[in-house]
PDB file of N, CA and C in Angstrom:
ATOM      1  N   ASP A   1      16.558  13.115  -7.484  1.00  0.00           N
ATOM      2  CA  ASP A   1      17.173  13.820  -6.354  1.00  0.00           C
ATOM      3  C   ASP A   1      17.836  12.833  -5.406  1.00  0.00           C
ATOM      4  N   ALA A   2      17.175  11.700  -5.153  1.00  0.00           N
ATOM      5  CA  ALA A   2      17.735  10.698  -4.239  1.00  0.00           C
ATOM      6  C   ALA A   2      19.035  10.142  -4.803  1.00  0.00           C
ATOM      7  N   LEU A   3      19.038   9.839  -6.085  1.00  0.00           N
ATOM      8  CA  LEU A   3      20.235   9.293  -6.721  1.00  0.00           C
ATOM      9  C   LEU A   3      21.365  10.314  -6.704  1.00  0.00           C
ATOM     10  N   ALA A   4      21.059  11.561  -7.023  1.00  0.00           N
ATOM     11  CA  ALA A   4      22.065  12.616  -7.028  1.00  0.00           C
ATOM     12  C   ALA A   4      22.648  12.794  -5.629  1.00  0.00           C
ATOM     13  N   GLY A   5      21.795  12.716  -4.603  1.00  0.00           N
ATOM     14  CA  GLY A   5      22.264  12.860  -3.231  1.00  0.00           C
ATOM     15  C   GLY A   5      23.230  11.752  -2.873  1.00  0.00           C
ATOM     16  N   CYS A   6      22.937  10.532  -3.306  1.00  0.00           N
ATOM     17  CA  CYS A   6      23.814   9.396  -3.025  1.00  0.00           C
ATOM     18  C   CYS A   6      25.144   9.577  -3.746  1.00  0.00           C
ATOM     19  N   LEU A   7      25.088   9.967  -5.013  1.00  0.00           N
ATOM     20  CA  LEU A   7      26.300  10.138  -5.806  1.00  0.00           C
ATOM     21  C   LEU A   7      27.221  11.176  -5.185  1.00  0.00           C
ATOM     22  N   CYS A   8      26.654  12.330  -4.806  1.00  0.00           N
ATOM     23  CA  CYS A   8      27.506  13.392  -4.277  1.00  0.00           C
ATOM     24  C   CYS A   8      28.140  12.964  -2.959  1.00  0.00           C
ATOM     25  N   ARG A   9      27.394  12.222  -2.127  1.00  0.00           N
ATOM     26  CA  ARG A   9      27.954  11.793  -0.848  1.00  0.00           C
ATOM     27  C   ARG A   9      29.036  10.738  -1.049  1.00  0.00           C
ATOM     28  N   CYS A  10      28.803   9.840  -2.000  1.00  0.00           N
ATOM     29  CA  CYS A  10      29.746   8.743  -2.212  1.00  0.00           C
ATOM     30  C   CYS A  10      31.061   9.245  -2.809  1.00  0.00           C
ATOM     31  N   THR A  11      30.993  10.289  -3.635  1.00  0.00           N
ATOM     32  CA  THR A  11      32.191  10.767  -4.318  1.00  0.00           C
ATOM     33  C   THR A  11      32.877  11.893  -3.564  1.00  0.00           C
ATOM     34  N   GLY A  12      32.190  12.491  -2.603  1.00  0.00           N
ATOM     35  CA  GLY A  12      32.807  13.557  -1.833  1.00  0.00           C
ATOM     36  C   GLY A  12      32.558  14.933  -2.418  1.00  0.00           C
ATOM     37  N   TYR A  13      31.770  14.998  -3.502  1.00  0.00           N
ATOM     38  CA  TYR A  13      31.480  16.289  -4.121  1.00  0.00           C
ATOM     39  C   TYR A  13      30.181  16.874  -3.585  1.00  0.00           C
ATOM     40  N   VAL A  14      30.008  16.805  -2.273  1.00  0.00           N
ATOM     41  CA  VAL A  14      28.736  17.209  -1.677  1.00  0.00           C
ATOM     42  C   VAL A  14      28.419  18.670  -1.984  1.00  0.00           C
ATOM     43  N   LYS A  15      29.344  19.573  -1.678  1.00  0.00           N
ATOM     44  CA  LYS A  15      29.045  20.996  -1.818  1.00  0.00           C
ATOM     45  C   LYS A  15      28.763  21.416  -3.261  1.00  0.00           C
ATOM     46  N   PRO A  16      29.640  21.106  -4.221  1.00  0.00           N
ATOM     47  CA  PRO A  16      29.374  21.517  -5.607  1.00  0.00           C
ATOM     48  C   PRO A  16      28.066  20.956  -6.141  1.00  0.00           C
ATOM     49  N   VAL A  17      27.812  19.682  -5.894  1.00  0.00           N
ATOM     50  CA  VAL A  17      26.591  19.059  -6.414  1.00  0.00           C
ATOM     51  C   VAL A  17      25.365  19.676  -5.765  1.00  0.00           C
ATOM     52  N   GLU A  18      25.415  19.884  -4.460  1.00  0.00           N
ATOM     53  CA  GLU A  18      24.273  20.497  -3.773  1.00  0.00           C
ATOM     54  C   GLU A  18      24.034  21.906  -4.299  1.00  0.00           C
ATOM     55  N   ALA A  19      25.107  22.637  -4.560  1.00  0.00           N
ATOM     56  CA  ALA A  19      24.968  23.998  -5.074  1.00  0.00           C
ATOM     57  C   ALA A  19      24.290  23.989  -6.443  1.00  0.00           C
ATOM     58  N   VAL A  20      24.688  23.040  -7.294  1.00  0.00           N
ATOM     59  CA  VAL A  20      24.090  22.944  -8.626  1.00  0.00           C
ATOM     60  C   VAL A  20      22.628  22.554  -8.524  1.00  0.00           C
ATOM     61  N   LEU A  21      22.327  21.561  -7.688  1.00  0.00           N
ATOM     62  CA  LEU A  21      20.943  21.125  -7.522  1.00  0.00           C
ATOM     63  C   LEU A  21      20.092  22.258  -6.966  1.00  0.00           C
ATOM     64  N   HIS A  22      20.637  23.003  -6.010  1.00  0.00           N
ATOM     65  CA  HIS A  22      19.907  24.121  -5.417  1.00  0.00           C
ATOM     66  C   HIS A  22      19.637  25.191  -6.477  1.00  0.00           C
ATOM     67  N   ALA A  23      20.641  25.505  -7.277  1.00  0.00           N
ATOM     68  CA  ALA A  23      20.475  26.509  -8.328  1.00  0.00           C
ATOM     69  C   ALA A  23      19.421  26.051  -9.331  1.00  0.00           C
ATOM     70  N   ALA A  24      19.411  24.761  -9.651  1.00  0.00           N
ATOM     71  CA  ALA A  24      18.428  24.232 -10.595  1.00  0.00           C
ATOM     72  C   ALA A  24      17.023  24.360 -10.021  1.00  0.00           C
ATOM     73  N   ARG A  25      16.882  24.062  -8.728  1.00  0.00           N
ATOM     74  CA  ARG A  25      15.565  24.173  -8.095  1.00  0.00           C
ATOM     75  C   ARG A  25      15.096  25.631  -8.093  1.00  0.00           C
ATOM     76  N   GLU A  26      15.997  26.550  -7.767  1.00  0.00           N
ATOM     77  CA  GLU A  26      15.639  27.966  -7.728  1.00  0.00           C
ATOM     78  C   GLU A  26      15.261  28.455  -9.128  1.00  0.00           C
ATOM     79  N   ALA A  27      15.988  27.999 -10.146  1.00  0.00           N
ATOM     80  CA  ALA A  27      15.699  28.412 -11.519  1.00  0.00           C
ATOM     81  C   ALA A  27      14.324  27.907 -11.936  1.00  0.00           C
ATOM     82  N   ARG A  28      13.986  26.687 -11.542  1.00  0.00           N
ATOM     83  CA  ARG A  28      12.685  26.118 -11.880  1.00  0.00           C
ATOM     84  C   ARG A  28      11.567  26.889 -11.180  1.00  0.00           C
ATOM     85  N   ARG A  29      11.850  27.331  -9.950  1.00  0.00           N
ATOM     86  CA  ARG A  29      10.846  28.020  -9.150  1.00  0.00           C
ATOM     87  C   ARG A  29      10.587  29.433  -9.686  1.00  0.00           C
ATOM     88  N   ALA A  30      11.619  30.065 -10.240  1.00  0.00           N
ATOM     89  CA  ALA A  30      11.509  31.452 -10.698  1.00  0.00           C
ATOM     90  C   ALA A  30      10.577  31.578 -11.913  1.00  0.00           C
TER      91      ALA A  30
END
């Protein structure tokens, strides 16, 4: 998660990456 957060911030793809990570977390929780 830490690495993914750094990557999305560095590349500017914050929203799409966060959305994917959030969806993955929700899917795991369900």
